Every structure is written in structure tokens, then in C-alpha cells.
């Protein structure tokens, strides 16, 4: 396994480690979980950079990089439901899109076609990671009680941010479906 793929795979392992530390209810564990999340985000930036710079772009990397993102985001979103920071309907809508596009990518991979992430998909991922970041900070703040963080990351703010995330999530799904129409037409 080459270096970019190892970095991608490490994001999946970091997701599991994040889950463990995030669910230990003390301030130090939450800070460790937060830093694990930050490291995982940097692995997402770093693996693609190394792959492009060294020319080591593989089918594994093209498939597992977005899958590792989905695993990390799903782990954080589900954790934030449990902490009553994100609503379950929102996470369900995100997961529907993620399963749909993963299915589409699987069909394409089966046919030997690689579907690259579009700009809108990368924007969607940025907003999803940002919502994860906000939710983690909000939960940490339930232990440290900094008033201005509660004001900035209020339930209303998080609600409206989730709407923005849903919009980009489904715009990117639409983009994938439109650009992959030939793949879908053959199979349906």
C-alpha cells in the first residue's frame, strides 16, 4: 500500500479512535477527540496532495478517499445526534445522499469508470466538516461554559447551518447523477 493510501486508511482508523474519546464524558477526552478530528481532516488534504504530487493515483485511493471522508463525517454526525446537537432527520438526509452516491460510484467502479469528486462535492465536504467542527466545539463548551461560544453556536445557528449543508449535499448529489447519467441509463 502506497503512502497516500496509507494516509487515507489512517482516516478510517482515526474515526474509530475519535468515537472512543468523544464518548468519554470528560474535558480532556473531548479535547483529544477534537485534535484527532483535526488530524483526520489534515489527512484528507494531505493524501490527495501527495498522490497528485508523486503521480501515485490509484483506483483504491479514488474510491477509499471519499469513503474515508464519509466514515469520519458519519461517525461525528451520529455522535452529535447522541449529544443532542444535531437532529436525526438531518443526519438521515445526509446518509441517504451518501449511500446513493456510494452506490453510483460502486456501479461505475464495477464498469471500470472512476467518478472524480466535483468542485461542488468538495464544497459539500468542506461544509460537512465545518458542521462537525462546530458541533464538537459546542459539545466541548458544555464542559467549559464559555458564553460567547454558546451565543455564536446557538441552536438556531446550527439549524440554519444544517440547512446550508443539506442544500450543498443534495446539489452535489444532483451533479453526480447528471454527470453520470450514462452509467445510470445502462443499469435502469
Protein backbone atom coordinates (compact mmCIF):
# COMPACT_ATOMS: atom_id res chain seq x y z
CA UNK A 1 0.00 0.00 0.00
CA UNK A 2 1.47 3.34 -1.03
CA UNK A 3 1.80 6.38 1.25
CA UNK A 4 -1.29 8.31 0.08
CA UNK A 5 -3.46 5.20 0.53
CA UNK A 6 -2.00 4.59 4.00
CA UNK A 7 -2.88 8.15 4.94
CA UNK A 8 -6.41 7.67 3.58
CA UNK A 9 -6.77 4.42 5.52
CA UNK A 10 -5.50 6.13 8.68
CA UNK A 11 -8.53 8.46 8.49
CA UNK A 12 -10.80 5.44 8.94
CA UNK A 13 -8.81 4.34 11.99
CA UNK A 14 -8.81 7.90 13.35
CA UNK A 15 -12.62 7.92 13.01
CA UNK A 16 -12.87 4.95 15.35
CA UNK A 17 -10.42 6.49 17.82
CA UNK A 18 -12.37 9.77 17.69
CA UNK A 19 -15.56 7.88 18.55
CA UNK A 20 -13.99 6.33 21.63
CA UNK A 21 -12.59 9.58 23.03
CA UNK A 22 -15.65 11.68 22.14
CA UNK A 23 -17.88 9.39 24.16
CA UNK A 24 -15.77 9.54 27.30
CA UNK A 25 -17.51 12.33 29.14
CA UNK A 26 -14.66 14.49 30.36
CA UNK A 27 -12.95 17.59 29.11
CA UNK A 28 -9.54 16.01 28.38
CA UNK A 29 -11.05 13.17 26.35
CA UNK A 30 -13.11 15.65 24.35
CA UNK A 31 -10.03 17.72 23.59
CA UNK A 32 -8.22 14.58 22.45
CA UNK A 33 -11.20 13.73 20.23
CA UNK A 34 -11.15 17.26 18.82
CA UNK A 35 -7.45 17.03 17.93
CA UNK A 36 -7.98 13.58 16.41
CA UNK A 37 -10.71 15.10 14.24
CA UNK A 38 -8.38 17.92 13.16
CA UNK A 39 -5.63 15.41 12.31
CA UNK A 40 -8.16 13.37 10.31
CA UNK A 41 -9.13 16.46 8.31
CA UNK A 42 -5.47 17.14 7.54
CA UNK A 43 -5.06 13.55 6.33
CA UNK A 44 -7.83 14.31 3.83
CA UNK A 45 -5.88 17.27 2.49
CA UNK A 46 -2.50 15.58 2.66
CA UNK A 47 -3.29 12.22 0.98
CA UNK A 48 -4.59 13.84 -2.19
CA UNK A 49 -1.72 16.32 -2.29
CA UNK A 50 0.87 13.55 -2.05
CA UNK A 51 -0.95 11.39 -4.61
CA UNK A 52 -1.05 14.23 -7.15
CA UNK A 53 2.48 15.43 -6.47
CA UNK A 54 4.03 11.97 -6.77
CA UNK A 55 1.68 10.74 -9.50
CA UNK A 56 0.55 7.84 -7.32
CA UNK A 57 -3.16 7.98 -8.09
CA UNK A 58 -4.82 4.58 -7.71
CA UNK A 59 -8.30 3.14 -8.01
CA UNK A 60 -8.11 2.31 -4.30
CA UNK A 61 -7.38 5.93 -3.46
CA UNK A 62 -10.11 7.29 -5.73
CA UNK A 63 -12.67 5.02 -4.07
CA UNK A 64 -11.45 4.99 -0.45
CA UNK A 65 -10.65 8.70 -0.07
CA UNK A 66 -14.30 9.80 -0.32
CA UNK A 67 -15.35 6.69 1.62
CA UNK A 68 -12.97 7.62 4.46
CA UNK A 69 -14.50 11.12 4.45
CA UNK A 70 -17.99 9.64 4.67
CA UNK A 71 -16.97 7.38 7.55
CA UNK A 72 -15.46 10.27 9.51
CA UNK A 73 -18.42 12.56 8.88
CA UNK A 74 -20.93 9.82 9.74
CA UNK A 75 -19.14 8.98 13.00
CA UNK A 76 -19.09 12.64 14.05
CA UNK A 77 -22.68 13.34 12.96
CA UNK A 78 -24.01 10.26 14.80
CA UNK A 79 -22.06 11.27 17.89
CA UNK A 80 -23.56 14.75 17.69
CA UNK A 81 -27.09 13.29 17.49
CA UNK A 82 -26.39 11.43 20.72
CA UNK A 83 -25.22 14.69 22.34
CA UNK A 84 -28.42 16.40 21.15
CA UNK A 85 -26.51 18.87 18.97
CA UNK A 86 -27.69 17.69 15.55
CA UNK A 87 -31.18 16.48 14.68
CA UNK A 88 -31.55 12.90 13.48
CA UNK A 89 -33.59 13.96 10.41
CA UNK A 90 -30.61 15.95 9.17
CA UNK A 91 -28.18 13.06 9.54
CA UNK A 92 -30.68 10.72 7.86
CA UNK A 93 -30.89 13.06 4.85
CA UNK A 94 -27.10 13.24 4.61
CA UNK A 95 -26.77 9.45 4.86
CA UNK A 96 -29.38 8.90 2.13
CA UNK A 97 -27.27 11.02 -0.22
CA UNK A 98 -24.05 9.34 0.83
CA UNK A 99 -25.41 5.82 0.24
CA UNK A 100 -26.87 6.89 -3.11
CA UNK A 101 -23.60 8.34 -4.39
CA UNK A 102 -21.53 5.49 -2.95
CA UNK A 103 -23.81 3.10 -4.84
CA UNK A 104 -23.35 5.13 -8.01
CA UNK A 105 -19.57 5.10 -7.56
CA UNK A 106 -19.66 1.34 -6.95
CA UNK A 107 -21.59 0.77 -10.18
CA UNK A 108 -19.10 2.97 -12.03
CA UNK A 109 -16.12 1.17 -10.47
CA UNK A 110 -17.63 -2.17 -11.47
CA UNK A 111 -17.68 -0.86 -15.05
CA UNK A 112 -14.10 0.37 -14.77
CA UNK A 113 -15.14 4.02 -14.64
CA UNK A 114 -13.81 6.38 -11.99
CA UNK A 115 -16.02 9.26 -10.92
CA UNK A 116 -13.88 12.15 -9.69
CA UNK A 117 -15.12 14.44 -6.96
CA UNK A 118 -16.56 17.62 -8.43
CA UNK A 119 -15.99 21.11 -7.06
CA UNK A 120 -19.48 21.16 -5.57
CA UNK A 121 -18.79 17.79 -3.88
CA UNK A 122 -15.62 19.21 -2.38
CA UNK A 123 -17.60 22.25 -1.20
CA UNK A 124 -20.18 19.90 0.33
CA UNK A 125 -17.44 18.05 2.19
CA UNK A 126 -16.00 21.36 3.43
CA UNK A 127 -19.39 22.41 4.84
CA UNK A 128 -19.94 18.99 6.41
CA UNK A 129 -16.51 19.08 8.06
CA UNK A 130 -17.23 22.64 9.25
CA UNK A 131 -20.51 21.49 10.82
CA UNK A 132 -18.63 18.64 12.52
CA UNK A 133 -16.11 21.17 13.85
CA UNK A 134 -18.88 23.45 15.16
CA UNK A 135 -20.72 20.54 16.79
CA UNK A 136 -17.59 19.24 18.50
CA UNK A 137 -16.77 22.74 19.82
CA UNK A 138 -20.36 23.12 21.05
CA UNK A 139 -20.13 19.83 22.96
CA UNK A 140 -16.74 20.72 24.46
CA UNK A 141 -18.26 24.05 25.50
CA UNK A 142 -20.88 22.19 27.54
CA UNK A 143 -17.96 21.37 29.86
CA UNK A 144 -16.05 24.67 29.82
CA UNK A 145 -19.04 27.06 29.57
CA UNK A 146 -17.72 29.97 27.50
CA UNK A 147 -20.77 32.19 26.98
CA UNK A 148 -19.80 33.71 23.64
CA UNK A 149 -19.39 30.21 22.14
CA UNK A 150 -22.94 29.36 23.21
CA UNK A 151 -24.08 32.60 21.61
CA UNK A 152 -22.18 32.03 18.36
CA UNK A 153 -23.05 28.35 18.05
CA UNK A 154 -26.65 28.60 19.19
CA UNK A 155 -29.28 26.00 18.25
CA UNK A 156 -30.67 28.49 15.72
CA UNK A 157 -27.26 28.98 14.09
CA UNK A 158 -26.69 25.23 13.93
CA UNK A 159 -30.18 24.70 12.46
CA UNK A 160 -29.56 27.19 9.64
CA UNK A 161 -26.09 25.80 9.04
CA UNK A 162 -27.58 22.30 8.70
CA UNK A 163 -29.91 23.68 6.02
CA UNK A 164 -26.90 25.03 4.11
CA UNK A 165 -25.20 21.65 4.44
CA UNK A 166 -28.32 19.85 3.16
CA UNK A 167 -28.51 22.20 0.16
CA UNK A 168 -24.89 21.55 -0.82
CA UNK A 169 -25.26 17.84 -0.05
CA UNK A 170 -28.13 17.47 -2.49
CA UNK A 171 -26.70 19.86 -5.09
CA UNK A 172 -23.63 17.63 -5.22
CA UNK A 173 -25.83 14.52 -5.49
CA UNK A 174 -27.68 16.11 -8.40
CA UNK A 175 -24.36 16.99 -10.02
CA UNK A 176 -23.10 13.39 -9.68
CA UNK A 177 -26.31 11.97 -11.10
CA UNK A 178 -26.37 14.35 -14.07
CA UNK A 179 -22.71 13.82 -14.92
CA UNK A 180 -23.09 10.05 -14.51
CA UNK A 181 -26.31 9.74 -16.48
CA UNK A 182 -24.84 7.27 -19.00
CA UNK A 183 -23.89 4.88 -16.20
CA UNK A 184 -27.40 5.03 -14.77
CA UNK A 185 -29.17 4.64 -18.11
CA UNK A 186 -27.48 1.34 -18.84
CA UNK A 187 -28.41 -0.16 -15.48
CA UNK A 188 -32.01 1.00 -15.08
